[in-house]
């Protein structure tokens, strides 16, 4: 997260969590944030998110669902 906890900058690709819920205060997801997160299977993005960068889920080979 950034200093103000309003955007996600990077998500560790070796993180063991397979389901991730983005907190409601997040407004931006930077480009390549979830790069090569092979263990990530589902993600929930709240309505507070206004901007989603390019190729956010690049290399997420096991990603099955994105809930908006």
PDB file of N, CA and C in Angstrom:
ATOM      1  N   UNK A   1       0.833  -1.175   0.000  1.00  0.00           N
ATOM      2  CA  UNK A   1       0.000   0.000   0.000  1.00  0.00           C
ATOM      3  C   UNK A   1       0.888   1.253   0.000  1.00  0.00           C
ATOM      4  N   UNK A   2       0.315   2.353  -0.458  1.00  0.00           N
ATOM      5  CA  UNK A   2       1.047   3.603  -0.374  1.00  0.00           C
ATOM      6  C   UNK A   2       0.942   4.169   1.052  1.00  0.00           C
ATOM      7  N   UNK A   3       1.568   5.291   1.268  1.00  0.00           N
ATOM      8  CA  UNK A   3       1.624   5.931   2.584  1.00  0.00           C
ATOM      9  C   UNK A   3       0.235   6.209   3.170  1.00  0.00           C
ATOM     10  N   UNK A   4      -0.705   6.568   2.316  1.00  0.00           N
ATOM     11  CA  UNK A   4      -2.051   6.944   2.767  1.00  0.00           C
ATOM     12  C   UNK A   4      -3.040   5.783   2.726  1.00  0.00           C
ATOM     13  N   UNK A   5      -2.574   4.642   2.322  1.00  0.00           N
ATOM     14  CA  UNK A   5      -3.381   3.422   2.191  1.00  0.00           C
ATOM     15  C   UNK A   5      -4.604   3.672   1.304  1.00  0.00           C
ATOM     16  N   UNK A   6      -4.352   4.313   0.155  1.00  0.00           N
ATOM     17  CA  UNK A   6      -5.421   4.544  -0.814  1.00  0.00           C
ATOM     18  C   UNK A   6      -5.130   3.856  -2.147  1.00  0.00           C
ATOM     19  N   UNK A   7      -3.922   3.277  -2.281  1.00  0.00           N
ATOM     20  CA  UNK A   7      -3.634   2.528  -3.496  1.00  0.00           C
ATOM     21  C   UNK A   7      -2.731   1.342  -3.196  1.00  0.00           C
ATOM     22  N   UNK A   8      -2.906   0.312  -3.988  1.00  0.00           N
ATOM     23  CA  UNK A   8      -2.069  -0.874  -3.880  1.00  0.00           C
ATOM     24  C   UNK A   8      -0.952  -0.722  -4.893  1.00  0.00           C
ATOM     25  N   UNK A   9       0.268  -0.816  -4.415  1.00  0.00           N
ATOM     26  CA  UNK A   9       1.441  -0.635  -5.269  1.00  0.00           C
ATOM     27  C   UNK A   9       1.980  -1.984  -5.736  1.00  0.00           C
ATOM     28  N   UNK A  10       2.049  -2.945  -4.820  1.00  0.00           N
ATOM     29  CA  UNK A  10       2.631  -4.239  -5.147  1.00  0.00           C
ATOM     30  C   UNK A  10       2.057  -5.299  -4.224  1.00  0.00           C
ATOM     31  N   UNK A  11       1.838  -6.470  -4.773  1.00  0.00           N
ATOM     32  CA  UNK A  11       1.367  -7.619  -4.015  1.00  0.00           C
ATOM     33  C   UNK A  11       2.426  -8.694  -4.185  1.00  0.00           C
ATOM     34  N   UNK A  12       3.002  -9.225  -3.090  1.00  0.00           N
ATOM     35  CA  UNK A  12       4.097 -10.185  -3.227  1.00  0.00           C
ATOM     36  C   UNK A  12       3.675 -11.448  -3.970  1.00  0.00           C
ATOM     37  N   UNK A  13       4.397 -11.795  -5.017  1.00  0.00           N
ATOM     38  CA  UNK A  13       4.027 -12.952  -5.846  1.00  0.00           C
ATOM     39  C   UNK A  13       4.148 -14.269  -5.100  1.00  0.00           C
ATOM     40  N   UNK A  14       4.920 -14.326  -4.030  1.00  0.00           N
ATOM     41  CA  UNK A  14       5.064 -15.560  -3.268  1.00  0.00           C
ATOM     42  C   UNK A  14       4.104 -15.636  -2.072  1.00  0.00           C
ATOM     43  N   UNK A  15       3.186 -14.700  -1.971  1.00  0.00           N
ATOM     44  CA  UNK A  15       2.212 -14.672  -0.879  1.00  0.00           C
ATOM     45  C   UNK A  15       1.300 -15.884  -0.993  1.00  0.00           C
ATOM     46  N   UNK A  16       1.013 -16.548   0.103  1.00  0.00           N
ATOM     47  CA  UNK A  16       0.262 -17.802   0.084  1.00  0.00           C
ATOM     48  C   UNK A  16      -1.252 -17.644   0.052  1.00  0.00           C
ATOM     49  N   UNK A  17      -1.740 -16.442   0.125  1.00  0.00           N
ATOM     50  CA  UNK A  17      -3.190 -16.224   0.135  1.00  0.00           C
ATOM     51  C   UNK A  17      -3.769 -16.484  -1.249  1.00  0.00           C
ATOM     52  N   UNK A  18      -4.807 -17.320  -1.331  1.00  0.00           N
ATOM     53  CA  UNK A  18      -5.401 -17.632  -2.640  1.00  0.00           C
ATOM     54  C   UNK A  18      -6.619 -16.767  -2.936  1.00  0.00           C
ATOM     55  N   UNK A  19      -7.215 -16.195  -1.904  1.00  0.00           N
ATOM     56  CA  UNK A  19      -8.354 -15.293  -2.065  1.00  0.00           C
ATOM     57  C   UNK A  19      -7.983 -13.965  -1.420  1.00  0.00           C
ATOM     58  N   UNK A  20      -8.210 -12.885  -2.141  1.00  0.00           N
ATOM     59  CA  UNK A  20      -7.830 -11.576  -1.609  1.00  0.00           C
ATOM     60  C   UNK A  20      -8.985 -10.613  -1.758  1.00  0.00           C
ATOM     61  N   UNK A  21      -9.275  -9.889  -0.680  1.00  0.00           N
ATOM     62  CA  UNK A  21     -10.316  -8.860  -0.682  1.00  0.00           C
ATOM     63  C   UNK A  21      -9.625  -7.516  -0.495  1.00  0.00           C
ATOM     64  N   UNK A  22      -9.778  -6.664  -1.477  1.00  0.00           N
ATOM     65  CA  UNK A  22      -9.177  -5.340  -1.404  1.00  0.00           C
ATOM     66  C   UNK A  22      -9.993  -4.484  -0.434  1.00  0.00           C
ATOM     67  N   UNK A  23      -9.332  -3.804   0.501  1.00  0.00           N
ATOM     68  CA  UNK A  23     -10.051  -2.981   1.479  1.00  0.00           C
ATOM     69  C   UNK A  23     -10.856  -1.855   0.810  1.00  0.00           C
ATOM     70  N   UNK A  24     -11.917  -1.439   1.468  1.00  0.00           N
ATOM     71  CA  UNK A  24     -12.834  -0.425   0.932  1.00  0.00           C
ATOM     72  C   UNK A  24     -12.219   0.957   0.748  1.00  0.00           C
ATOM     73  N   UNK A  25     -11.126   1.255   1.425  1.00  0.00           N
ATOM     74  CA  UNK A  25     -10.530   2.586   1.307  1.00  0.00           C
ATOM     75  C   UNK A  25      -9.602   2.725   0.098  1.00  0.00           C
ATOM     76  N   UNK A  26      -9.360   1.647  -0.628  1.00  0.00           N
ATOM     77  CA  UNK A  26      -8.453   1.684  -1.776  1.00  0.00           C
ATOM     78  C   UNK A  26      -9.148   2.330  -2.969  1.00  0.00           C
ATOM     79  N   UNK A  27      -8.454   3.278  -3.607  1.00  0.00           N
ATOM     80  CA  UNK A  27      -9.004   3.985  -4.767  1.00  0.00           C
ATOM     81  C   UNK A  27      -8.287   3.641  -6.059  1.00  0.00           C
ATOM     82  N   UNK A  28      -7.068   3.074  -5.952  1.00  0.00           N
ATOM     83  CA  UNK A  28      -6.277   2.807  -7.153  1.00  0.00           C
ATOM     84  C   UNK A  28      -5.494   1.502  -7.004  1.00  0.00           C
ATOM     85  N   UNK A  29      -5.426   0.763  -8.100  1.00  0.00           N
ATOM     86  CA  UNK A  29      -4.585  -0.422  -8.186  1.00  0.00           C
ATOM     87  C   UNK A  29      -3.574  -0.137  -9.288  1.00  0.00           C
ATOM     88  N   UNK A  30      -2.299  -0.050  -8.925  1.00  0.00           N
ATOM     89  CA  UNK A  30      -1.258   0.287  -9.896  1.00  0.00           C
ATOM     90  C   UNK A  30      -1.036  -0.829 -10.920  1.00  0.00           C
ATOM     91  N   UNK A  31      -0.447  -0.485 -12.046  1.00  0.00           N
ATOM     92  CA  UNK A  31      -0.107  -1.454 -13.091  1.00  0.00           C
ATOM     93  C   UNK A  31       0.800  -2.542 -12.521  1.00  0.00           C
ATOM     94  N   UNK A  32       0.580  -3.748 -12.981  1.00  0.00           N
ATOM     95  CA  UNK A  32       1.387  -4.926 -12.609  1.00  0.00           C
ATOM     96  C   UNK A  32       1.359  -5.254 -11.119  1.00  0.00           C
ATOM     97  N   UNK A  33       0.389  -4.784 -10.383  1.00  0.00           N
ATOM     98  CA  UNK A  33       0.335  -5.008  -8.939  1.00  0.00           C
ATOM     99  C   UNK A  33       0.384  -6.488  -8.574  1.00  0.00           C
ATOM    100  N   UNK A  34      -0.349  -7.321  -9.290  1.00  0.00           N
ATOM    101  CA  UNK A  34      -0.421  -8.742  -8.964  1.00  0.00           C
ATOM    102  C   UNK A  34       0.406  -9.595  -9.930  1.00  0.00           C
ATOM    103  N   UNK A  35       1.457  -9.029 -10.476  1.00  0.00           N
ATOM    104  CA  UNK A  35       2.308  -9.695 -11.453  1.00  0.00           C
ATOM    105  C   UNK A  35       2.798 -11.057 -10.943  1.00  0.00           C
ATOM    106  N   UNK A  36       2.500 -12.095 -11.727  1.00  0.00           N
ATOM    107  CA  UNK A  36       2.952 -13.464 -11.452  1.00  0.00           C
ATOM    108  C   UNK A  36       2.532 -14.011 -10.098  1.00  0.00           C
ATOM    109  N   UNK A  37       1.372 -13.616  -9.609  1.00  0.00           N
ATOM    110  CA  UNK A  37       0.831 -14.174  -8.361  1.00  0.00           C
ATOM    111  C   UNK A  37       0.098 -15.471  -8.721  1.00  0.00           C
ATOM    112  N   UNK A  38       0.863 -16.535  -8.887  1.00  0.00           N
ATOM    113  CA  UNK A  38       0.324 -17.808  -9.360  1.00  0.00           C
ATOM    114  C   UNK A  38      -0.636 -18.462  -8.372  1.00  0.00           C
ATOM    115  N   UNK A  39      -0.523 -18.154  -7.102  1.00  0.00           N
ATOM    116  CA  UNK A  39      -1.391 -18.765  -6.092  1.00  0.00           C
ATOM    117  C   UNK A  39      -2.743 -18.059  -5.969  1.00  0.00           C
ATOM    118  N   UNK A  40      -2.852 -16.867  -6.502  1.00  0.00           N
ATOM    119  CA  UNK A  40      -4.089 -16.089  -6.401  1.00  0.00           C
ATOM    120  C   UNK A  40      -5.182 -16.717  -7.265  1.00  0.00           C
ATOM    121  N   UNK A  41      -6.326 -17.082  -6.624  1.00  0.00           N
ATOM    122  CA  UNK A  41      -7.438 -17.704  -7.349  1.00  0.00           C
ATOM    123  C   UNK A  41      -8.632 -16.776  -7.498  1.00  0.00           C
ATOM    124  N   UNK A  42      -8.853 -15.915  -6.506  1.00  0.00           N
ATOM    125  CA  UNK A  42      -9.982 -14.993  -6.615  1.00  0.00           C
ATOM    126  C   UNK A  42      -9.635 -13.682  -5.919  1.00  0.00           C
ATOM    127  N   UNK A  43     -10.272 -12.632  -6.418  1.00  0.00           N
ATOM    128  CA  UNK A  43     -10.052 -11.305  -5.854  1.00  0.00           C
ATOM    129  C   UNK A  43     -11.365 -10.534  -5.870  1.00  0.00           C
ATOM    130  N   UNK A  44     -11.599  -9.769  -4.818  1.00  0.00           N
ATOM    131  CA  UNK A  44     -12.784  -8.912  -4.731  1.00  0.00           C
ATOM    132  C   UNK A  44     -12.325  -7.463  -4.745  1.00  0.00           C
ATOM    133  N   UNK A  45     -12.901  -6.700  -5.674  1.00  0.00           N
ATOM    134  CA  UNK A  45     -12.539  -5.286  -5.828  1.00  0.00           C
ATOM    135  C   UNK A  45     -13.749  -4.445  -5.435  1.00  0.00           C
ATOM    136  N   UNK A  46     -13.614  -3.585  -4.409  1.00  0.00           N
ATOM    137  CA  UNK A  46     -14.751  -2.778  -3.956  1.00  0.00           C
ATOM    138  C   UNK A  46     -15.058  -1.619  -4.908  1.00  0.00           C
ATOM    139  N   UNK A  47     -16.213  -1.051  -4.746  1.00  0.00           N
ATOM    140  CA  UNK A  47     -16.637   0.072  -5.595  1.00  0.00           C
ATOM    141  C   UNK A  47     -15.815   1.336  -5.354  1.00  0.00           C
ATOM    142  N   UNK A  48     -15.050   1.380  -4.278  1.00  0.00           N
ATOM    143  CA  UNK A  48     -14.196   2.541  -4.003  1.00  0.00           C
ATOM    144  C   UNK A  48     -13.051   2.663  -5.014  1.00  0.00           C
ATOM    145  N   UNK A  49     -12.688   1.563  -5.688  1.00  0.00           N
ATOM    146  CA  UNK A  49     -11.590   1.582  -6.653  1.00  0.00           C
ATOM    147  C   UNK A  49     -12.030   2.344  -7.903  1.00  0.00           C
ATOM    148  N   UNK A  50     -11.316   3.416  -8.207  1.00  0.00           N
ATOM    149  CA  UNK A  50     -11.637   4.270  -9.351  1.00  0.00           C
ATOM    150  C   UNK A  50     -10.709   4.018 -10.544  1.00  0.00           C
ATOM    151  N   UNK A  51      -9.487   3.572 -10.264  1.00  0.00           N
ATOM    152  CA  UNK A  51      -8.487   3.389 -11.322  1.00  0.00           C
ATOM    153  C   UNK A  51      -7.834   2.020 -11.169  1.00  0.00           C
ATOM    154  N   UNK A  52      -7.798   1.279 -12.276  1.00  0.00           N
ATOM    155  CA  UNK A  52      -7.086   0.000 -12.329  1.00  0.00           C
ATOM    156  C   UNK A  52      -6.065   0.130 -13.447  1.00  0.00           C
ATOM    157  N   UNK A  53      -4.800  -0.030 -13.092  1.00  0.00           N
ATOM    158  CA  UNK A  53      -3.713   0.130 -14.051  1.00  0.00           C
ATOM    159  C   UNK A  53      -3.671  -0.978 -15.103  1.00  0.00           C
ATOM    160  N   UNK A  54      -2.700  -0.867 -15.989  1.00  0.00           N
ATOM    161  CA  UNK A  54      -2.499  -1.842 -17.057  1.00  0.00           C
ATOM    162  C   UNK A  54      -1.933  -3.148 -16.512  1.00  0.00           C
ATOM    163  N   UNK A  55      -2.353  -4.234 -17.112  1.00  0.00           N
ATOM    164  CA  UNK A  55      -1.801  -5.571 -16.850  1.00  0.00           C
ATOM    165  C   UNK A  55      -1.691  -5.887 -15.364  1.00  0.00           C
ATOM    166  N   UNK A  56      -2.702  -5.523 -14.612  1.00  0.00           N
ATOM    167  CA  UNK A  56      -2.730  -5.727 -13.169  1.00  0.00           C
ATOM    168  C   UNK A  56      -2.599  -7.211 -12.810  1.00  0.00           C
ATOM    169  N   UNK A  57      -3.189  -8.067 -13.618  1.00  0.00           N
ATOM    170  CA  UNK A  57      -3.182  -9.503 -13.318  1.00  0.00           C
ATOM    171  C   UNK A  57      -2.292 -10.299 -14.274  1.00  0.00           C
ATOM    172  N   UNK A  58      -1.293  -9.666 -14.839  1.00  0.00           N
ATOM    173  CA  UNK A  58      -0.354 -10.317 -15.758  1.00  0.00           C
ATOM    174  C   UNK A  58       0.320 -11.505 -15.062  1.00  0.00           C
ATOM    175  N   UNK A  59       0.233 -12.675 -15.669  1.00  0.00           N
ATOM    176  CA  UNK A  59       0.893 -13.868 -15.141  1.00  0.00           C
ATOM    177  C   UNK A  59       0.171 -14.552 -14.009  1.00  0.00           C
ATOM    178  N   UNK A  60      -1.053 -14.151 -13.704  1.00  0.00           N
ATOM    179  CA  UNK A  60      -1.849 -14.808 -12.640  1.00  0.00           C
ATOM    180  C   UNK A  60      -2.545 -16.025 -13.254  1.00  0.00           C
ATOM    181  N   UNK A  61      -1.787 -17.065 -13.448  1.00  0.00           N
ATOM    182  CA  UNK A  61      -2.260 -18.228 -14.207  1.00  0.00           C
ATOM    183  C   UNK A  61      -3.373 -19.019 -13.533  1.00  0.00           C
ATOM    184  N   UNK A  62      -3.562 -18.883 -12.237  1.00  0.00           N
ATOM    185  CA  UNK A  62      -4.630 -19.617 -11.542  1.00  0.00           C
ATOM    186  C   UNK A  62      -5.820 -18.751 -11.154  1.00  0.00           C
ATOM    187  N   UNK A  63      -5.831 -17.500 -11.588  1.00  0.00           N
ATOM    188  CA  UNK A  63      -6.934 -16.591 -11.261  1.00  0.00           C
ATOM    189  C   UNK A  63      -8.210 -17.064 -11.944  1.00  0.00           C
ATOM    190  N   UNK A  64      -9.221 -17.358 -11.130  1.00  0.00           N
ATOM    191  CA  UNK A  64     -10.489 -17.884 -11.632  1.00  0.00           C
ATOM    192  C   UNK A  64     -11.621 -16.865 -11.607  1.00  0.00           C
ATOM    193  N   UNK A  65     -11.582 -15.935 -10.634  1.00  0.00           N
ATOM    194  CA  UNK A  65     -12.688 -14.979 -10.556  1.00  0.00           C
ATOM    195  C   UNK A  65     -12.241 -13.631 -10.024  1.00  0.00           C
ATOM    196  N   UNK A  66     -12.889 -12.604 -10.581  1.00  0.00           N
ATOM    197  CA  UNK A  66     -12.709 -11.226 -10.129  1.00  0.00           C
ATOM    198  C   UNK A  66     -14.106 -10.712  -9.812  1.00  0.00           C
ATOM    199  N   UNK A  67     -14.336 -10.389  -8.561  1.00  0.00           N
ATOM    200  CA  UNK A  67     -15.645  -9.897  -8.130  1.00  0.00           C
ATOM    201  C   UNK A  67     -15.603  -8.387  -7.982  1.00  0.00           C
ATOM    202  N   UNK A  68     -16.467  -7.712  -8.723  1.00  0.00           N
ATOM    203  CA  UNK A  68     -16.532  -6.250  -8.674  1.00  0.00           C
ATOM    204  C   UNK A  68     -17.737  -5.819  -7.867  1.00  0.00           C
TER     205      UNK A  68
END
